[in-house]
Amino acid sequence: MNKRPLAVAVISWLFILVGATTLAVDIRHLAAQPFHQEDIWIGLVHLLAIVAGAFMLRGDNWARWLAVVWMAGHVAITILNAWHGFVVHAIIFAGIVFLLFRADARGWFRRELTTAS
């Protein structure tokens, strides 16, 4: 079985960390104010980051694509807020795409799971 590339491990753990941290902060923030229906969607976005990170660690290809789409969404959202935020997110997005689609990462996400007989 292929060894997980360091870049994949780092990106995966960052997605888990960012998703868990932002979810915890939002839950704490929500406890202090009235509930709004869009709060559910915000929480789901944070959970998607955690899911993407966890399943990238396992080598699931769909999780790599989920991470890319998740980050692309953040790039799109920052266009509406601030130019400098857009630039920073775009650079991070480009780095993530580069690292997740390098040859070693492609091998990790293509590997076949072996079962014990």
PDB file of N, CA and C in Angstrom:
ATOM      1  N   MET A   1       0.839  -1.174   0.000  1.00  0.00           N
ATOM      2  CA  MET A   1       0.000   0.000   0.000  1.00  0.00           C
ATOM      3  C   MET A   1       0.893   1.249   0.000  1.00  0.00           C
ATOM      4  N   ASN A   2       0.467   2.270  -0.724  1.00  0.00           N
ATOM      5  CA  ASN A   2       1.224   3.524  -0.788  1.00  0.00           C
ATOM      6  C   ASN A   2       1.215   4.230   0.558  1.00  0.00           C
ATOM      7  N   LYS A   3       2.297   4.921   0.827  1.00  0.00           N
ATOM      8  CA  LYS A   3       2.387   5.728   2.033  1.00  0.00           C
ATOM      9  C   LYS A   3       1.718   7.076   1.759  1.00  0.00           C
ATOM     10  N   ARG A   4       0.972   7.572   2.741  1.00  0.00           N
ATOM     11  CA  ARG A   4       0.286   8.852   2.595  1.00  0.00           C
ATOM     12  C   ARG A   4       1.315   9.969   2.459  1.00  0.00           C
ATOM     13  N   PRO A   5       1.207  10.796   1.407  1.00  0.00           N
ATOM     14  CA  PRO A   5       2.133  11.923   1.255  1.00  0.00           C
ATOM     15  C   PRO A   5       1.971  12.917   2.407  1.00  0.00           C
ATOM     16  N   LEU A   6       3.079  13.495   2.825  1.00  0.00           N
ATOM     17  CA  LEU A   6       3.055  14.466   3.917  1.00  0.00           C
ATOM     18  C   LEU A   6       2.112  15.631   3.611  1.00  0.00           C
ATOM     19  N   ALA A   7       2.124  16.122   2.381  1.00  0.00           N
ATOM     20  CA  ALA A   7       1.258  17.251   2.018  1.00  0.00           C
ATOM     21  C   ALA A   7      -0.213  16.898   2.204  1.00  0.00           C
ATOM     22  N   VAL A   8      -0.589  15.683   1.854  1.00  0.00           N
ATOM     23  CA  VAL A   8      -1.987  15.245   2.027  1.00  0.00           C
ATOM     24  C   VAL A   8      -2.325  15.187   3.511  1.00  0.00           C
ATOM     25  N   ALA A   9      -1.412  14.660   4.309  1.00  0.00           N
ATOM     26  CA  ALA A   9      -1.660  14.583   5.754  1.00  0.00           C
ATOM     27  C   ALA A   9      -1.812  15.968   6.361  1.00  0.00           C
ATOM     28  N   VAL A  10      -0.933  16.887   5.995  1.00  0.00           N
ATOM     29  CA  VAL A  10      -0.989  18.241   6.550  1.00  0.00           C
ATOM     30  C   VAL A  10      -2.281  18.933   6.140  1.00  0.00           C
ATOM     31  N   ILE A  11      -2.630  18.872   4.861  1.00  0.00           N
ATOM     32  CA  ILE A  11      -3.865  19.510   4.395  1.00  0.00           C
ATOM     33  C   ILE A  11      -5.078  18.870   5.063  1.00  0.00           C
ATOM     34  N   SER A  12      -5.079  17.567   5.179  1.00  0.00           N
ATOM     35  CA  SER A  12      -6.206  16.868   5.823  1.00  0.00           C
ATOM     36  C   SER A  12      -6.392  17.324   7.261  1.00  0.00           C
ATOM     37  N   TRP A  13      -5.306  17.355   8.018  1.00  0.00           N
ATOM     38  CA  TRP A  13      -5.393  17.776   9.418  1.00  0.00           C
ATOM     39  C   TRP A  13      -5.764  19.252   9.539  1.00  0.00           C
ATOM     40  N   LEU A  14      -5.322  20.073   8.596  1.00  0.00           N
ATOM     41  CA  LEU A  14      -5.721  21.483   8.618  1.00  0.00           C
ATOM     42  C   LEU A  14      -7.225  21.633   8.376  1.00  0.00           C
ATOM     43  N   PHE A  15      -7.769  20.853   7.452  1.00  0.00           N
ATOM     44  CA  PHE A  15      -9.216  20.896   7.221  1.00  0.00           C
ATOM     45  C   PHE A  15      -9.969  20.461   8.477  1.00  0.00           C
ATOM     46  N   ILE A  16      -9.498  19.410   9.120  1.00  0.00           N
ATOM     47  CA  ILE A  16     -10.147  18.947  10.357  1.00  0.00           C
ATOM     48  C   ILE A  16     -10.051  20.017  11.430  1.00  0.00           C
ATOM     49  N   LEU A  17      -8.877  20.593  11.603  1.00  0.00           N
ATOM     50  CA  LEU A  17      -8.663  21.618  12.622  1.00  0.00           C
ATOM     51  C   LEU A  17      -9.498  22.871  12.362  1.00  0.00           C
ATOM     52  N   VAL A  18      -9.464  23.354  11.128  1.00  0.00           N
ATOM     53  CA  VAL A  18     -10.239  24.555  10.787  1.00  0.00           C
ATOM     54  C   VAL A  18     -11.732  24.285  10.942  1.00  0.00           C
ATOM     55  N   GLY A  19     -12.194  23.144  10.450  1.00  0.00           N
ATOM     56  CA  GLY A  19     -13.619  22.812  10.575  1.00  0.00           C
ATOM     57  C   GLY A  19     -14.061  22.699  12.026  1.00  0.00           C
ATOM     58  N   ALA A  20     -13.279  22.008  12.847  1.00  0.00           N
ATOM     59  CA  ALA A  20     -13.640  21.823  14.252  1.00  0.00           C
ATOM     60  C   ALA A  20     -13.573  23.130  15.032  1.00  0.00           C
ATOM     61  N   THR A  21     -12.547  23.919  14.764  1.00  0.00           N
ATOM     62  CA  THR A  21     -12.392  25.185  15.481  1.00  0.00           C
ATOM     63  C   THR A  21     -13.511  26.156  15.136  1.00  0.00           C
ATOM     64  N   THR A  22     -13.782  26.313  13.841  1.00  0.00           N
ATOM     65  CA  THR A  22     -14.833  27.246  13.450  1.00  0.00           C
ATOM     66  C   THR A  22     -16.208  26.759  13.890  1.00  0.00           C
ATOM     67  N   LEU A  23     -16.414  25.450  13.896  1.00  0.00           N
ATOM     68  CA  LEU A  23     -17.680  24.914  14.394  1.00  0.00           C
ATOM     69  C   LEU A  23     -17.840  25.215  15.883  1.00  0.00           C
ATOM     70  N   ALA A  24     -16.789  25.007  16.652  1.00  0.00           N
ATOM     71  CA  ALA A  24     -16.846  25.283  18.095  1.00  0.00           C
ATOM     72  C   ALA A  24     -17.082  26.768  18.365  1.00  0.00           C
ATOM     73  N   VAL A  25     -16.402  27.625  17.620  1.00  0.00           N
ATOM     74  CA  VAL A  25     -16.587  29.071  17.806  1.00  0.00           C
ATOM     75  C   VAL A  25     -18.012  29.471  17.449  1.00  0.00           C
ATOM     76  N   ASP A  26     -18.526  28.937  16.356  1.00  0.00           N
ATOM     77  CA  ASP A  26     -19.892  29.283  15.951  1.00  0.00           C
ATOM     78  C   ASP A  26     -20.928  28.760  16.942  1.00  0.00           C
ATOM     79  N   ILE A  27     -20.716  27.567  17.479  1.00  0.00           N
ATOM     80  CA  ILE A  27     -21.659  27.030  18.462  1.00  0.00           C
ATOM     81  C   ILE A  27     -21.672  27.916  19.700  1.00  0.00           C
ATOM     82  N   ARG A  28     -20.494  28.327  20.126  1.00  0.00           N
ATOM     83  CA  ARG A  28     -20.410  29.210  21.295  1.00  0.00           C
ATOM     84  C   ARG A  28     -21.093  30.553  21.012  1.00  0.00           C
ATOM     85  N   HIS A  29     -20.875  31.083  19.822  1.00  0.00           N
ATOM     86  CA  HIS A  29     -21.479  32.352  19.410  1.00  0.00           C
ATOM     87  C   HIS A  29     -22.998  32.222  19.322  1.00  0.00           C
ATOM     88  N   LEU A  30     -23.467  31.099  18.781  1.00  0.00           N
ATOM     89  CA  LEU A  30     -24.908  30.894  18.608  1.00  0.00           C
ATOM     90  C   LEU A  30     -25.628  30.748  19.943  1.00  0.00           C
ATOM     91  N   ALA A  31     -24.937  30.250  20.936  1.00  0.00           N
ATOM     92  CA  ALA A  31     -25.550  30.072  22.248  1.00  0.00           C
ATOM     93  C   ALA A  31     -25.913  31.409  22.875  1.00  0.00           C
ATOM     94  N   ALA A  32     -25.273  32.471  22.425  1.00  0.00           N
ATOM     95  CA  ALA A  32     -25.491  33.792  23.011  1.00  0.00           C
ATOM     96  C   ALA A  32     -26.520  34.619  22.253  1.00  0.00           C
ATOM     97  N   GLN A  33     -27.081  34.086  21.184  1.00  0.00           N
ATOM     98  CA  GLN A  33     -28.052  34.870  20.412  1.00  0.00           C
ATOM     99  C   GLN A  33     -29.165  33.967  19.900  1.00  0.00           C
ATOM    100  N   PRO A  34     -30.251  34.562  19.406  1.00  0.00           N
ATOM    101  CA  PRO A  34     -31.363  33.753  18.898  1.00  0.00           C
ATOM    102  C   PRO A  34     -30.942  32.902  17.691  1.00  0.00           C
ATOM    103  N   PHE A  35     -31.591  31.770  17.544  1.00  0.00           N
ATOM    104  CA  PHE A  35     -31.300  30.842  16.460  1.00  0.00           C
ATOM    105  C   PHE A  35     -31.896  31.360  15.151  1.00  0.00           C
ATOM    106  N   HIS A  36     -31.137  31.208  14.059  1.00  0.00           N
ATOM    107  CA  HIS A  36     -31.601  31.523  12.715  1.00  0.00           C
ATOM    108  C   HIS A  36     -31.427  30.276  11.854  1.00  0.00           C
ATOM    109  N   GLN A  37     -32.315  30.079  10.913  1.00  0.00           N
ATOM    110  CA  GLN A  37     -32.270  28.873  10.095  1.00  0.00           C
ATOM    111  C   GLN A  37     -30.960  28.738   9.317  1.00  0.00           C
ATOM    112  N   GLU A  38     -30.369  29.842   8.879  1.00  0.00           N
ATOM    113  CA  GLU A  38     -29.111  29.758   8.130  1.00  0.00           C
ATOM    114  C   GLU A  38     -27.949  29.265   8.998  1.00  0.00           C
ATOM    115  N   ASP A  39     -28.123  29.294  10.309  1.00  0.00           N
ATOM    116  CA  ASP A  39     -27.089  28.780  11.205  1.00  0.00           C
ATOM    117  C   ASP A  39     -26.839  27.290  10.972  1.00  0.00           C
ATOM    118  N   ILE A  40     -27.872  26.572  10.576  1.00  0.00           N
ATOM    119  CA  ILE A  40     -27.722  25.144  10.266  1.00  0.00           C
ATOM    120  C   ILE A  40     -26.774  24.970   9.084  1.00  0.00           C
ATOM    121  N   TRP A  41     -26.934  25.790   8.071  1.00  0.00           N
ATOM    122  CA  TRP A  41     -26.089  25.689   6.882  1.00  0.00           C
ATOM    123  C   TRP A  41     -24.641  26.036   7.199  1.00  0.00           C
ATOM    124  N   ILE A  42     -24.449  27.014   8.035  1.00  0.00           N
ATOM    125  CA  ILE A  42     -23.092  27.393   8.429  1.00  0.00           C
ATOM    126  C   ILE A  42     -22.421  26.229   9.156  1.00  0.00           C
ATOM    127  N   GLY A  43     -23.158  25.602  10.065  1.00  0.00           N
ATOM    128  CA  GLY A  43     -22.629  24.443  10.775  1.00  0.00           C
ATOM    129  C   GLY A  43     -22.301  23.290   9.840  1.00  0.00           C
ATOM    130  N   LEU A  44     -23.151  23.067   8.840  1.00  0.00           N
ATOM    131  CA  LEU A  44     -22.902  22.000   7.875  1.00  0.00           C
ATOM    132  C   LEU A  44     -21.642  22.265   7.051  1.00  0.00           C
ATOM    133  N   VAL A  45     -21.389  23.524   6.730  1.00  0.00           N
ATOM    134  CA  VAL A  45     -20.166  23.866   5.994  1.00  0.00           C
ATOM    135  C   VAL A  45     -18.937  23.500   6.824  1.00  0.00           C
ATOM    136  N   HIS A  46     -18.980  23.786   8.112  1.00  0.00           N
ATOM    137  CA  HIS A  46     -17.861  23.429   8.989  1.00  0.00           C
ATOM    138  C   HIS A  46     -17.708  21.915   9.089  1.00  0.00           C
ATOM    139  N   LEU A  47     -18.824  21.211   9.176  1.00  0.00           N
ATOM    140  CA  LEU A  47     -18.771  19.748   9.229  1.00  0.00           C
ATOM    141  C   LEU A  47     -18.197  19.159   7.940  1.00  0.00           C
ATOM    142  N   LEU A  48     -18.504  19.787   6.813  1.00  0.00           N
ATOM    143  CA  LEU A  48     -17.958  19.304   5.541  1.00  0.00           C
ATOM    144  C   LEU A  48     -16.438  19.386   5.519  1.00  0.00           C
ATOM    145  N   ALA A  49     -15.882  20.418   6.125  1.00  0.00           N
ATOM    146  CA  ALA A  49     -14.418  20.527   6.197  1.00  0.00           C
ATOM    147  C   ALA A  49     -13.846  19.369   7.011  1.00  0.00           C
ATOM    148  N   ILE A  50     -14.490  19.049   8.121  1.00  0.00           N
ATOM    149  CA  ILE A  50     -14.036  17.940   8.965  1.00  0.00           C
ATOM    150  C   ILE A  50     -14.125  16.618   8.206  1.00  0.00           C
ATOM    151  N   VAL A  51     -15.237  16.409   7.538  1.00  0.00           N
ATOM    152  CA  VAL A  51     -15.441  15.179   6.762  1.00  0.00           C
ATOM    153  C   VAL A  51     -14.398  15.071   5.647  1.00  0.00           C
ATOM    154  N   ALA A  52     -14.179  16.161   4.925  1.00  0.00           N
ATOM    155  CA  ALA A  52     -13.185  16.136   3.842  1.00  0.00           C
ATOM    156  C   ALA A  52     -11.814  15.768   4.387  1.00  0.00           C
ATOM    157  N   GLY A  53     -11.407  16.390   5.481  1.00  0.00           N
ATOM    158  CA  GLY A  53     -10.100  16.093   6.067  1.00  0.00           C
ATOM    159  C   GLY A  53      -9.976  14.653   6.519  1.00  0.00           C
ATOM    160  N   ALA A  54     -10.984  14.170   7.218  1.00  0.00           N
ATOM    161  CA  ALA A  54     -10.928  12.804   7.746  1.00  0.00           C
ATOM    162  C   ALA A  54     -10.856  11.767   6.631  1.00  0.00           C
ATOM    163  N   PHE A  55     -11.650  11.965   5.594  1.00  0.00           N
ATOM    164  CA  PHE A  55     -11.672  10.963   4.534  1.00  0.00           C
ATOM    165  C   PHE A  55     -10.499  11.112   3.563  1.00  0.00           C
ATOM    166  N   MET A  56      -9.891  12.296   3.487  1.00  0.00           N
ATOM    167  CA  MET A  56      -8.649  12.408   2.718  1.00  0.00           C
ATOM    168  C   MET A  56      -7.547  11.613   3.407  1.00  0.00           C
ATOM    169  N   LEU A  57      -7.543  11.602   4.736  1.00  0.00           N
ATOM    170  CA  LEU A  57      -6.556  10.795   5.461  1.00  0.00           C
ATOM    171  C   LEU A  57      -6.680   9.321   5.104  1.00  0.00           C
ATOM    172  N   ARG A  58      -7.904   8.890   4.829  1.00  0.00           N
ATOM    173  CA  ARG A  58      -8.150   7.494   4.447  1.00  0.00           C
ATOM    174  C   ARG A  58      -7.832   7.213   2.985  1.00  0.00           C
ATOM    175  N   GLY A  59      -7.689   8.283   2.193  1.00  0.00           N
ATOM    176  CA  GLY A  59      -7.385   8.106   0.778  1.00  0.00           C
ATOM    177  C   GLY A  59      -8.596   8.096  -0.126  1.00  0.00           C
ATOM    178  N   ASP A  60      -9.735   8.564   0.362  1.00  0.00           N
ATOM    179  CA  ASP A  60     -10.947   8.588  -0.461  1.00  0.00           C
ATOM    180  C   ASP A  60     -10.902   9.766  -1.428  1.00  0.00           C
ATOM    181  N   ASN A  61     -10.955   9.450  -2.712  1.00  0.00           N
ATOM    182  CA  ASN A  61     -10.812  10.465  -3.752  1.00  0.00           C
ATOM    183  C   ASN A  61     -11.917  11.517  -3.698  1.00  0.00           C
ATOM    184  N   TRP A  62     -13.143  11.103  -3.389  1.00  0.00           N
ATOM    185  CA  TRP A  62     -14.247  12.071  -3.343  1.00  0.00           C
ATOM    186  C   TRP A  62     -13.976  13.142  -2.295  1.00  0.00           C
ATOM    187  N   ALA A  63     -13.259  12.807  -1.232  1.00  0.00           N
ATOM    188  CA  ALA A  63     -12.954  13.777  -0.170  1.00  0.00           C
ATOM    189  C   ALA A  63     -11.978  14.834  -0.669  1.00  0.00           C
ATOM    190  N   ARG A  64     -11.070  14.437  -1.546  1.00  0.00           N
ATOM    191  CA  ARG A  64     -10.148  15.408  -2.145  1.00  0.00           C
ATOM    192  C   ARG A  64     -10.949  16.429  -2.942  1.00  0.00           C
ATOM    193  N   TRP A  65     -11.909  15.965  -3.704  1.00  0.00           N
ATOM    194  CA  TRP A  65     -12.747  16.876  -4.482  1.00  0.00           C
ATOM    195  C   TRP A  65     -13.631  17.734  -3.591  1.00  0.00           C
ATOM    196  N   LEU A  66     -14.125  17.161  -2.508  1.00  0.00           N
ATOM    197  CA  LEU A  66     -14.912  17.938  -1.549  1.00  0.00           C
ATOM    198  C   LEU A  66     -14.071  19.066  -0.960  1.00  0.00           C
ATOM    199  N   ALA A  67     -12.829  18.785  -0.631  1.00  0.00           N
ATOM    200  CA  ALA A  67     -11.944  19.812  -0.079  1.00  0.00           C
ATOM    201  C   ALA A  67     -11.710  20.934  -1.090  1.00  0.00           C
ATOM    202  N   VAL A  68     -11.520  20.574  -2.341  1.00  0.00           N
ATOM    203  CA  VAL A  68     -11.298  21.579  -3.381  1.00  0.00           C
ATOM    204  C   VAL A  68     -12.552  22.437  -3.570  1.00  0.00           C
ATOM    205  N   VAL A  69     -13.707  21.808  -3.619  1.00  0.00           N
ATOM    206  CA  VAL A  69     -14.964  22.562  -3.773  1.00  0.00           C
ATOM    207  C   VAL A  69     -15.205  23.433  -2.546  1.00  0.00           C
ATOM    208  N   TRP A  70     -14.918  22.916  -1.358  1.00  0.00           N
ATOM    209  CA  TRP A  70     -15.096  23.677  -0.119  1.00  0.00           C
ATOM    210  C   TRP A  70     -14.226  24.933  -0.155  1.00  0.00           C
ATOM    211  N   MET A  71     -12.977  24.780  -0.556  1.00  0.00           N
ATOM    212  CA  MET A  71     -12.069  25.926  -0.600  1.00  0.00           C
ATOM    213  C   MET A  71     -12.470  26.884  -1.717  1.00  0.00           C
ATOM    214  N   ALA A  72     -12.907  26.370  -2.849  1.00  0.00           N
ATOM    215  CA  ALA A  72     -13.366  27.225  -3.946  1.00  0.00           C
ATOM    216  C   ALA A  72     -14.560  28.072  -3.496  1.00  0.00           C
ATOM    217  N   GLY A  73     -15.427  27.484  -2.690  1.00  0.00           N
ATOM    218  CA  GLY A  73     -16.552  28.245  -2.136  1.00  0.00           C
ATOM    219  C   GLY A  73     -16.073  29.403  -1.278  1.00  0.00           C
ATOM    220  N   HIS A  74     -15.046  29.159  -0.505  1.00  0.00           N
ATOM    221  CA  HIS A  74     -14.501  30.233   0.325  1.00  0.00           C
ATOM    222  C   HIS A  74     -13.871  31.336  -0.524  1.00  0.00           C
ATOM    223  N   VAL A  75     -13.232  30.949  -1.605  1.00  0.00           N
ATOM    224  CA  VAL A  75     -12.670  31.952  -2.519  1.00  0.00           C
ATOM    225  C   VAL A  75     -13.805  32.796  -3.087  1.00  0.00           C
ATOM    226  N   ALA A  76     -14.878  32.145  -3.514  1.00  0.00           N
ATOM    227  CA  ALA A  76     -16.013  32.868  -4.088  1.00  0.00           C
ATOM    228  C   ALA A  76     -16.657  33.816  -3.078  1.00  0.00           C
ATOM    229  N   ILE A  77     -16.790  33.367  -1.841  1.00  0.00           N
ATOM    230  CA  ILE A  77     -17.404  34.209  -0.803  1.00  0.00           C
ATOM    231  C   ILE A  77     -16.549  35.432  -0.516  1.00  0.00           C
ATOM    232  N   THR A  78     -15.237  35.270  -0.535  1.00  0.00           N
ATOM    233  CA  THR A  78     -14.371  36.398  -0.194  1.00  0.00           C
ATOM    234  C   THR A  78     -14.366  37.475  -1.277  1.00  0.00           C
ATOM    235  N   ILE A  79     -14.763  37.121  -2.486  1.00  0.00           N
ATOM    236  CA  ILE A  79     -14.877  38.141  -3.536  1.00  0.00           C
ATOM    237  C   ILE A  79     -15.873  39.208  -3.096  1.00  0.00           C
ATOM    238  N   LEU A  80     -16.907  38.789  -2.394  1.00  0.00           N
ATOM    239  CA  LEU A  80     -17.954  39.716  -1.959  1.00  0.00           C
ATOM    240  C   LEU A  80     -17.515  40.584  -0.785  1.00  0.00           C
ATOM    241  N   ASN A  81     -16.532  40.134  -0.021  1.00  0.00           N
ATOM    242  CA  ASN A  81     -16.165  40.835   1.206  1.00  0.00           C
ATOM    243  C   ASN A  81     -15.003  41.815   1.048  1.00  0.00           C
ATOM    244  N   ALA A  82     -13.861  41.321   0.670  1.00  0.00           N
ATOM    245  CA  ALA A  82     -12.689  42.192   0.620  1.00  0.00           C
ATOM    246  C   ALA A  82     -11.686  41.652  -0.393  1.00  0.00           C
ATOM    247  N   TRP A  83     -11.069  42.549  -1.123  1.00  0.00           N
ATOM    248  CA  TRP A  83     -10.106  42.171  -2.150  1.00  0.00           C
ATOM    249  C   TRP A  83      -8.921  41.408  -1.571  1.00  0.00           C
ATOM    250  N   HIS A  84      -8.369  41.907  -0.456  1.00  0.00           N
ATOM    251  CA  HIS A  84      -7.201  41.228   0.117  1.00  0.00           C
ATOM    252  C   HIS A  84      -7.565  39.830   0.618  1.00  0.00           C
ATOM    253  N   GLY A  85      -8.763  39.665   1.140  1.00  0.00           N
ATOM    254  CA  GLY A  85      -9.212  38.341   1.568  1.00  0.00           C
ATOM    255  C   GLY A  85      -9.328  37.383   0.395  1.00  0.00           C
ATOM    256  N   PHE A  86      -9.788  37.917  -0.731  1.00  0.00           N
ATOM    257  CA  PHE A  86      -9.887  37.107  -1.943  1.00  0.00           C
ATOM    258  C   PHE A  86      -8.507  36.640  -2.398  1.00  0.00           C
ATOM    259  N   VAL A  87      -7.551  37.535  -2.401  1.00  0.00           N
ATOM    260  CA  VAL A  87      -6.196  37.189  -2.841  1.00  0.00           C
ATOM    261  C   VAL A  87      -5.595  36.110  -1.941  1.00  0.00           C
ATOM    262  N   VAL A  88      -5.735  36.281  -0.648  1.00  0.00           N
ATOM    263  CA  VAL A  88      -5.192  35.289   0.295  1.00  0.00           C
ATOM    264  C   VAL A  88      -5.847  33.936   0.086  1.00  0.00           C
ATOM    265  N   HIS A  89      -7.179  33.903   0.002  1.00  0.00           N
ATOM    266  CA  HIS A  89      -7.877  32.640  -0.189  1.00  0.00           C
ATOM    267  C   HIS A  89      -7.537  32.019  -1.548  1.00  0.00           C
ATOM    268  N   ALA A  90      -7.378  32.832  -2.572  1.00  0.00           N
ATOM    269  CA  ALA A  90      -7.032  32.307  -3.896  1.00  0.00           C
ATOM    270  C   ALA A  90      -5.650  31.658  -3.879  1.00  0.00           C
ATOM    271  N   ILE A  91      -4.710  32.260  -3.171  1.00  0.00           N
ATOM    272  CA  ILE A  91      -3.362  31.681  -3.066  1.00  0.00           C
ATOM    273  C   ILE A  91      -3.416  30.363  -2.299  1.00  0.00           C
ATOM    274  N   ILE A  92      -4.157  30.328  -1.206  1.00  0.00           N
ATOM    275  CA  ILE A  92      -4.308  29.090  -0.436  1.00  0.00           C
ATOM    276  C   ILE A  92      -4.972  28.016  -1.292  1.00  0.00           C
ATOM    277  N   PHE A  93      -6.011  28.408  -2.022  1.00  0.00           N
ATOM    278  CA  PHE A  93      -6.712  27.475  -2.909  1.00  0.00           C
ATOM    279  C   PHE A  93      -5.754  26.884  -3.945  1.00  0.00           C
ATOM    280  N   ALA A  94      -4.954  27.744  -4.573  1.00  0.00           N
ATOM    281  CA  ALA A  94      -4.007  27.274  -5.584  1.00  0.00           C
ATOM    282  C   ALA A  94      -3.007  26.287  -4.976  1.00  0.00           C
ATOM    283  N   GLY A  95      -2.547  26.577  -3.773  1.00  0.00           N
ATOM    284  CA  GLY A  95      -1.614  25.669  -3.102  1.00  0.00           C
ATOM    285  C   GLY A  95      -2.245  24.326  -2.786  1.00  0.00           C
ATOM    286  N   ILE A  96      -3.474  24.359  -2.307  1.00  0.00           N
ATOM    287  CA  ILE A  96      -4.181  23.110  -1.991  1.00  0.00           C
ATOM    288  C   ILE A  96      -4.384  22.272  -3.249  1.00  0.00           C
ATOM    289  N   VAL A  97      -4.845  22.911  -4.324  1.00  0.00           N
ATOM    290  CA  VAL A  97      -5.053  22.177  -5.575  1.00  0.00           C
ATOM    291  C   VAL A  97      -3.736  21.595  -6.074  1.00  0.00           C
ATOM    292  N   PHE A  98      -2.686  22.391  -6.054  1.00  0.00           N
ATOM    293  CA  PHE A  98      -1.377  21.906  -6.500  1.00  0.00           C
ATOM    294  C   PHE A  98      -0.944  20.681  -5.694  1.00  0.00           C
ATOM    295  N   LEU A  99      -1.028  20.777  -4.378  1.00  0.00           N
ATOM    296  CA  LEU A  99      -0.546  19.691  -3.525  1.00  0.00           C
ATOM    297  C   LEU A  99      -1.429  18.445  -3.589  1.00  0.00           C
ATOM    298  N   LEU A 100      -2.734  18.629  -3.726  1.00  0.00           N
ATOM    299  CA  LEU A 100      -3.628  17.473  -3.752  1.00  0.00           C
ATOM    300  C   LEU A 100      -3.667  16.763  -5.099  1.00  0.00           C
ATOM    301  N   PHE A 101      -3.115  17.398  -6.136  1.00  0.00           N
ATOM    302  CA  PHE A 101      -3.150  16.779  -7.459  1.00  0.00           C
ATOM    303  C   PHE A 101      -1.761  16.482  -8.013  1.00  0.00           C
ATOM    304  N   ARG A 102      -0.743  16.570  -7.159  1.00  0.00           N
ATOM    305  CA  ARG A 102       0.602  16.135  -7.560  1.00  0.00           C
ATOM    306  C   ARG A 102       0.590  14.622  -7.744  1.00  0.00           C
ATOM    307  N   ALA A 103       1.631  14.116  -8.381  1.00  0.00           N
ATOM    308  CA  ALA A 103       1.699  12.679  -8.689  1.00  0.00           C
ATOM    309  C   ALA A 103       1.610  11.815  -7.428  1.00  0.00           C
ATOM    310  N   ASP A 104       2.321  12.196  -6.372  1.00  0.00           N
ATOM    311  CA  ASP A 104       2.285  11.366  -5.159  1.00  0.00           C
ATOM    312  C   ASP A 104       0.896  11.370  -4.526  1.00  0.00           C
ATOM    313  N   ALA A 105       0.221  12.509  -4.559  1.00  0.00           N
ATOM    314  CA  ALA A 105      -1.134  12.581  -4.005  1.00  0.00           C
ATOM    315  C   ALA A 105      -2.113  11.792  -4.875  1.00  0.00           C
ATOM    316  N   ARG A 106      -1.962  11.894  -6.182  1.00  0.00           N
ATOM    317  CA  ARG A 106      -2.835  11.114  -7.076  1.00  0.00           C
ATOM    318  C   ARG A 106      -2.684   9.626  -6.791  1.00  0.00           C
ATOM    319  N   GLY A 107      -1.457   9.195  -6.544  1.00  0.00           N
ATOM    320  CA  GLY A 107      -1.230   7.793  -6.205  1.00  0.00           C
ATOM    321  C   GLY A 107      -1.927   7.402  -4.904  1.00  0.00           C
ATOM    322  N   TRP A 108      -1.900   8.280  -3.923  1.00  0.00           N
ATOM    323  CA  TRP A 108      -2.554   8.008  -2.643  1.00  0.00           C
ATOM    324  C   TRP A 108      -4.062   7.873  -2.821  1.00  0.00           C
ATOM    325  N   PHE A 109      -4.640   8.742  -3.611  1.00  0.00           N
ATOM    326  CA  PHE A 109      -6.090   8.715  -3.783  1.00  0.00           C
ATOM    327  C   PHE A 109      -6.553   7.647  -4.767  1.00  0.00           C
ATOM    328  N   ARG A 110      -5.641   7.083  -5.546  1.00  0.00           N
ATOM    329  CA  ARG A 110      -5.995   6.010  -6.495  1.00  0.00           C
ATOM    330  C   ARG A 110      -5.728   4.627  -5.947  1.00  0.00           C
ATOM    331  N   ARG A 111      -5.014   4.547  -4.861  1.00  0.00           N
ATOM    332  CA  ARG A 111      -4.604   3.235  -4.380  1.00  0.00           C
ATOM    333  C   ARG A 111      -5.824   2.339  -4.152  1.00  0.00           C
ATOM    334  N   GLU A 112      -5.617   1.110  -4.317  1.00  0.00           N
ATOM    335  CA  GLU A 112      -6.695   0.147  -4.123  1.00  0.00           C
ATOM    336  C   GLU A 112      -6.582  -0.394  -2.699  1.00  0.00           C
ATOM    337  N   LEU A 113      -7.714  -0.435  -2.053  1.00  0.00           N
ATOM    338  CA  LEU A 113      -7.722  -0.977  -0.698  1.00  0.00           C
ATOM    339  C   LEU A 113      -7.629  -2.492  -0.778  1.00  0.00           C
ATOM    340  N   THR A 114      -6.753  -3.045   0.003  1.00  0.00           N
ATOM    341  CA  THR A 114      -6.610  -4.493   0.027  1.00  0.00           C
ATOM    342  C   THR A 114      -7.335  -5.026   1.243  1.00  0.00           C
ATOM    343  N   THR A 115      -7.939  -6.163   1.073  1.00  0.00           N
ATOM    344  CA  THR A 115      -8.644  -6.782   2.185  1.00  0.00           C
ATOM    345  C   THR A 115      -7.892  -8.040   2.592  1.00  0.00           C
ATOM    346  N   ALA A 116      -7.912  -8.300   3.853  1.00  0.00           N
ATOM    347  CA  ALA A 116      -7.250  -9.510   4.361  1.00  0.00           C
ATOM    348  C   ALA A 116      -8.084 -10.725   4.004  1.00  0.00           C
ATOM    349  N   SER A 117      -7.422 -11.736   3.508  1.00  0.00           N
ATOM    350  CA  SER A 117      -8.149 -12.965   3.143  1.00  0.00           C
ATOM    351  C   SER A 117      -7.941 -14.021   4.183  1.00  0.00           C
TER     352      SER A 117
END
